Amino acid sequence: MTNGFLIDLDGTLYKGHEPIPYAAAFIQWLQRHCLPYLLVTNNSSRTPEQVSEHLKELGIDVPAAAIYTSSQAAAQYLTEQGSANRVHMVGEDGLRLALDAAGFVQEGTTPDYVVQGIDRSFTYAKLAEAVRHLKHGATYVLTNPDRMLPSDGGLMPGAGSLAASITAASGVEPVVIGKPSPIIMAYAIARLGLPAADVWVIGDNAATDILGGALSGCRTALVLTGVATADNVHEQLASAGVTPDLICEDLQHFVRQISPEAPNFD
């Protein structure tokens, strides 16, 4: 049986501009053993190529083809919905470029969709415009529900925090694409080409990575290197209402649990 791996990025392989210990060695271990993997991120702000370049700067060599973002998944979802192609975007370059590549028109006064991701220049005017389109019948699509995300300076507000204000003002609940949604999970599992039961989902966030994996029938490993830590893990799991198959100090600990014969990464 071949195991496949769906691996989170923020908080699992790096925090901001700092690699997490053993991240590079873990990816090298997967590549050396020809194990299928895909880096699946809820972060909608960058393209796979930009993520790949960032990883290389941190000493982690992953091709863009092995990276799948919530922006790509949102564009794939919209493509599957039919011929409507007018979108109003609240987000950054990663989302804009994914929508462009899929042929969506990001202009006009009557969009079919309001598509929202992380937007670090979010303003009251952007909130008002998104709400106006939703009140006129646009469908609300959210790249990911993360309310907080890891960064160099600690946790910062994520796309879900912005979505909370849009939902409160408009009364419209979004279609959620990113983890723990089955939408992105199904797309990612299909890309691996393996049954869900043969896939490990690895991440630092119980409410997104672990819940998404569990709901999709995958095995799950929570690493205590990001949102979840040794100090808050029990609180995180209770809040998410999920129990991972493994709880790991870090990625080396994960490998030693699934492959005891593997050498230390040190």
Protein backbone atom coordinates (compact mmCIF):
# COMPACT_ATOMS: atom_id res chain seq x y z
CA MET A 1 0.00 0.00 0.00
CA THR A 2 1.30 3.47 -0.93
CA ASN A 3 0.60 6.30 1.45
CA GLY A 4 -0.05 9.79 0.14
CA PHE A 5 0.34 13.01 2.08
CA LEU A 6 -1.61 16.27 2.10
CA ILE A 7 0.55 18.73 4.00
CA ASP A 8 -0.32 22.15 5.36
CA LEU A 9 2.08 25.09 4.94
CA ASP A 10 1.66 27.91 7.48
CA GLY A 11 2.49 26.55 10.91
CA THR A 12 3.53 23.16 9.55
CA LEU A 13 6.47 23.85 7.21
CA TYR A 14 7.14 27.48 8.13
CA LYS A 15 6.05 30.43 10.21
CA GLY A 16 6.26 33.58 8.15
CA HIS A 17 9.87 33.80 7.01
CA GLU A 18 11.23 31.09 9.30
CA PRO A 19 11.28 27.38 8.44
CA ILE A 20 9.95 25.02 11.07
CA PRO A 21 12.53 22.46 12.25
CA TYR A 22 12.70 19.29 10.13
CA ALA A 23 10.46 20.70 7.38
CA ALA A 24 13.13 20.48 4.66
CA ALA A 25 14.27 17.03 5.82
CA PHE A 26 10.69 15.76 5.82
CA ILE A 27 10.09 16.88 2.23
CA GLN A 28 13.40 15.31 1.20
CA TRP A 29 12.33 12.07 2.89
CA LEU A 30 9.08 12.03 0.89
CA GLN A 31 10.91 12.75 -2.35
CA ARG A 32 13.65 10.19 -1.68
CA HIS A 33 11.06 7.45 -1.13
CA CYS A 34 8.93 8.60 -4.11
CA LEU A 35 5.90 9.08 -1.86
CA PRO A 36 3.08 11.13 -3.43
CA TYR A 37 2.43 14.42 -1.67
CA LEU A 38 0.69 17.74 -2.19
CA LEU A 39 1.12 20.89 -0.15
CA VAL A 40 -2.41 22.16 0.49
CA THR A 41 -2.78 25.64 1.88
CA ASN A 42 -5.75 27.73 2.91
CA ASN A 43 -3.65 30.83 2.26
CA SER A 44 -5.11 32.50 -0.83
CA SER A 45 -2.63 35.36 -1.14
CA ARG A 46 0.08 33.75 -3.31
CA THR A 47 0.36 31.65 -6.44
CA PRO A 48 1.92 28.15 -6.33
CA GLU A 49 4.98 29.62 -8.05
CA GLN A 50 5.33 32.28 -5.37
CA VAL A 51 4.89 29.68 -2.63
CA SER A 52 7.53 27.48 -4.27
CA GLU A 53 9.97 30.39 -4.40
CA HIS A 54 9.31 31.25 -0.75
CA LEU A 55 9.95 27.64 0.24
CA LYS A 56 13.22 27.56 -1.72
CA GLU A 57 14.37 30.66 0.15
CA LEU A 58 13.79 28.68 3.34
CA GLY A 59 15.74 25.68 2.06
CA ILE A 60 12.65 23.61 1.20
CA ASP A 61 12.63 22.50 -2.43
CA VAL A 62 9.09 21.88 -3.69
CA PRO A 63 7.93 22.43 -7.30
CA ALA A 64 4.92 24.62 -7.96
CA ALA A 65 3.06 21.61 -9.37
CA ALA A 66 3.09 20.05 -5.87
CA ILE A 67 1.34 23.07 -4.31
CA TYR A 68 -2.43 23.56 -4.24
CA THR A 69 -3.97 26.74 -2.83
CA SER A 70 -7.46 27.68 -1.74
CA SER A 71 -7.46 30.22 -4.59
CA GLN A 72 -6.94 27.44 -7.14
CA ALA A 73 -9.66 25.39 -5.47
CA ALA A 74 -12.05 28.38 -5.52
CA ALA A 75 -11.43 28.88 -9.24
CA GLN A 76 -11.94 25.16 -9.86
CA TYR A 77 -15.21 25.22 -7.90
CA LEU A 78 -16.53 28.24 -9.81
CA THR A 79 -15.61 26.64 -13.12
CA GLU A 80 -17.69 23.61 -12.21
CA GLN A 81 -20.76 25.73 -11.45
CA GLY A 82 -21.51 26.62 -15.08
CA SER A 83 -21.27 29.54 -17.46
CA ALA A 84 -21.52 32.49 -15.04
CA ASN A 85 -18.11 34.18 -15.11
CA ARG A 86 -18.38 37.63 -13.55
CA VAL A 87 -16.72 37.95 -10.16
CA HIS A 88 -16.12 40.66 -7.62
CA MET A 89 -12.92 39.81 -5.75
CA VAL A 90 -11.89 40.75 -2.24
CA GLY A 91 -8.37 39.44 -1.94
CA GLU A 92 -4.77 39.57 -3.10
CA ASP A 93 -2.66 38.50 -6.07
CA GLY A 94 -2.92 34.75 -5.54
CA LEU A 95 -6.70 34.86 -5.82
CA ARG A 96 -6.76 37.39 -8.65
CA LEU A 97 -4.34 35.39 -10.77
CA ALA A 98 -6.15 32.09 -10.13
CA LEU A 99 -9.43 33.65 -11.25
CA ASP A 100 -7.74 35.20 -14.30
CA ALA A 101 -6.23 31.85 -15.29
CA ALA A 102 -9.66 30.21 -15.07
CA GLY A 103 -11.21 32.84 -17.37
CA PHE A 104 -13.28 34.83 -14.88
CA VAL A 105 -14.06 38.48 -15.54
CA GLN A 106 -13.25 40.70 -12.57
CA GLU A 107 -15.17 43.82 -13.54
CA GLY A 108 -18.67 45.14 -13.95
CA THR A 109 -21.40 46.21 -11.56
CA THR A 110 -23.45 43.00 -11.46
CA PRO A 111 -21.14 40.13 -10.54
CA ASP A 112 -22.37 36.57 -10.30
CA TYR A 113 -20.02 35.87 -7.40
CA VAL A 114 -18.30 37.70 -4.59
CA VAL A 115 -15.08 35.73 -4.03
CA GLN A 116 -13.19 36.61 -0.88
CA GLY A 117 -9.85 35.59 0.56
CA ILE A 118 -7.28 37.23 2.80
CA ASP A 119 -7.00 40.95 2.06
CA ARG A 120 -4.52 42.86 4.15
CA SER A 121 -5.74 46.16 2.70
CA PHE A 122 -9.38 45.45 3.65
CA THR A 123 -11.36 48.65 4.25
CA TYR A 124 -14.85 49.80 5.10
CA ALA A 125 -15.34 50.69 1.43
CA LYS A 126 -14.46 47.13 0.38
CA LEU A 127 -16.86 45.78 2.99
CA ALA A 128 -19.66 48.02 1.73
CA GLU A 129 -19.10 47.08 -1.91
CA ALA A 130 -19.05 43.35 -1.22
CA VAL A 131 -22.23 43.61 0.85
CA ARG A 132 -23.97 45.60 -1.90
CA HIS A 133 -23.25 42.89 -4.47
CA LEU A 134 -24.43 40.15 -2.12
CA LYS A 135 -27.64 42.06 -1.40
CA HIS A 136 -28.23 42.18 -5.17
CA GLY A 137 -28.02 38.40 -5.46
CA ALA A 138 -24.36 37.51 -5.98
CA THR A 139 -23.25 34.17 -4.55
CA TYR A 140 -20.68 34.47 -1.75
CA VAL A 141 -17.61 32.21 -2.07
CA LEU A 142 -14.95 32.21 0.66
CA THR A 143 -11.52 30.78 -0.05
CA ASN A 144 -10.97 29.67 3.55
CA PRO A 145 -12.47 30.09 7.01
CA ASP A 146 -9.27 30.63 9.05
CA ARG A 147 -9.90 33.40 11.54
CA MET A 148 -6.27 33.50 12.62
CA LEU A 149 -3.05 32.44 10.90
CA PRO A 150 0.59 32.12 12.02
CA SER A 151 3.11 34.82 11.12
CA ASP A 152 6.55 36.04 12.18
CA GLY A 153 5.02 38.12 14.95
CA GLY A 154 2.51 35.53 16.17
CA LEU A 155 -1.08 34.98 15.10
CA MET A 156 -2.79 37.54 12.84
CA PRO A 157 -6.37 37.85 11.51
CA GLY A 158 -7.14 35.60 8.55
CA ALA A 159 -9.73 35.50 5.78
CA GLY A 160 -12.37 34.13 8.15
CA SER A 161 -12.17 37.26 10.29
CA LEU A 162 -12.98 39.41 7.26
CA ALA A 163 -15.74 37.00 6.25
CA ALA A 164 -17.33 37.39 9.67
CA SER A 165 -17.86 41.10 9.02
CA ILE A 166 -19.20 40.52 5.49
CA THR A 167 -21.61 37.86 6.70
CA ALA A 168 -22.77 39.97 9.63
CA ALA A 169 -23.48 42.94 7.36
CA SER A 170 -25.04 41.06 4.45
CA GLY A 171 -26.78 38.17 6.20
CA VAL A 172 -25.33 35.88 3.50
CA GLU A 173 -23.38 32.76 4.46
CA PRO A 174 -20.53 31.88 2.11
CA VAL A 175 -19.73 28.68 0.28
CA VAL A 176 -16.48 27.75 2.02
CA ILE A 177 -13.80 26.26 -0.20
CA GLY A 178 -10.76 25.77 2.03
CA LYS A 179 -10.10 23.30 4.81
CA PRO A 180 -12.08 21.83 6.55
CA SER A 181 -14.46 22.05 3.58
CA PRO A 182 -14.91 18.81 1.64
CA ILE A 183 -14.54 20.88 -1.54
CA ILE A 184 -10.79 21.49 -1.36
CA MET A 185 -10.22 18.12 0.30
CA ALA A 186 -11.91 16.24 -2.55
CA TYR A 187 -9.91 18.18 -5.15
CA ALA A 188 -6.63 17.52 -3.34
CA ILE A 189 -7.30 13.82 -2.81
CA ALA A 190 -8.18 13.49 -6.49
CA ARG A 191 -4.87 15.09 -7.43
CA LEU A 192 -2.99 12.46 -5.42
CA GLY A 193 -4.94 9.71 -7.21
CA LEU A 194 -5.26 7.59 -4.06
CA PRO A 195 -8.19 6.43 -1.94
CA ALA A 196 -8.82 8.77 0.98
CA ALA A 197 -8.05 5.98 3.44
CA ASP A 198 -4.48 5.85 2.09
CA VAL A 199 -3.89 9.57 2.61
CA TRP A 200 -2.38 11.30 5.65
CA VAL A 201 -3.44 14.89 6.28
CA ILE A 202 -0.76 16.72 8.28
CA GLY A 203 -1.26 20.15 9.78
CA ASP A 204 -1.08 22.39 12.82
CA ASN A 205 -4.73 23.47 12.97
CA ALA A 206 -7.28 21.09 14.46
CA ALA A 207 -10.26 23.09 13.19
CA THR A 208 -9.13 23.12 9.55
CA ASP A 209 -6.44 20.54 8.74
CA ILE A 210 -7.48 17.78 11.12
CA LEU A 211 -11.23 18.25 10.87
CA GLY A 212 -11.00 18.45 7.07
CA GLY A 213 -8.99 15.25 6.91
CA ALA A 214 -11.26 13.39 9.29
CA LEU A 215 -14.44 14.43 7.44
CA SER A 216 -12.87 13.24 4.18
CA GLY A 217 -11.98 9.79 5.48
CA CYS A 218 -8.22 10.42 5.63
CA ARG A 219 -5.83 9.67 8.45
CA THR A 220 -4.72 12.75 10.35
CA ALA A 221 -1.63 13.97 12.19
CA LEU A 222 -1.61 17.16 14.24
CA VAL A 223 1.82 18.76 14.60
CA LEU A 224 2.36 21.08 17.56
CA THR A 225 4.31 23.71 15.64
CA GLY A 226 1.75 26.38 14.75
CA VAL A 227 -1.80 27.11 15.87
CA ALA A 228 -1.71 23.98 18.03
CA THR A 229 1.06 23.81 20.63
CA ALA A 230 1.89 21.57 23.56
CA ASP A 231 0.28 24.17 25.83
CA ASN A 232 -3.07 24.48 24.02
CA VAL A 233 -3.54 21.19 22.16
CA HIS A 234 -6.31 19.84 24.38
CA GLU A 235 -8.22 23.12 24.15
CA GLN A 236 -7.77 23.17 20.37
CA LEU A 237 -9.05 19.61 19.95
CA ALA A 238 -12.02 20.16 22.25
CA SER A 239 -12.97 23.31 20.37
CA ALA A 240 -12.72 21.57 16.99
CA GLY A 241 -14.50 18.44 18.23
CA VAL A 242 -12.04 16.14 16.52
CA THR A 243 -9.42 13.56 17.53
CA PRO A 244 -6.40 13.10 15.23
CA ASP A 245 -4.90 9.70 14.61
CA LEU A 246 -1.55 11.07 15.73
CA ILE A 247 -0.38 14.05 17.77
CA CYS A 248 3.24 14.86 16.94
CA GLU A 249 5.78 17.24 18.42
CA ASP A 250 7.07 17.94 14.91
CA LEU A 251 7.48 16.34 11.48
CA GLN A 252 10.36 14.13 12.54
CA HIS A 253 8.18 12.72 15.32
CA PHE A 254 5.49 12.03 12.71
CA VAL A 255 7.87 10.07 10.48
CA ARG A 256 9.18 8.04 13.39
CA GLN A 257 5.61 7.07 14.32
CA ILE A 258 4.61 5.88 10.85
CA SER A 259 8.04 4.52 9.89
CA PRO A 260 9.97 3.48 13.01
CA GLU A 261 12.94 2.33 10.96
CA ALA A 262 13.47 5.81 9.50
CA PRO A 263 16.68 7.53 10.66
CA ASN A 264 16.61 10.76 12.61
CA PHE A 265 16.61 13.91 10.49
CA ASP A 266 19.37 15.48 12.62
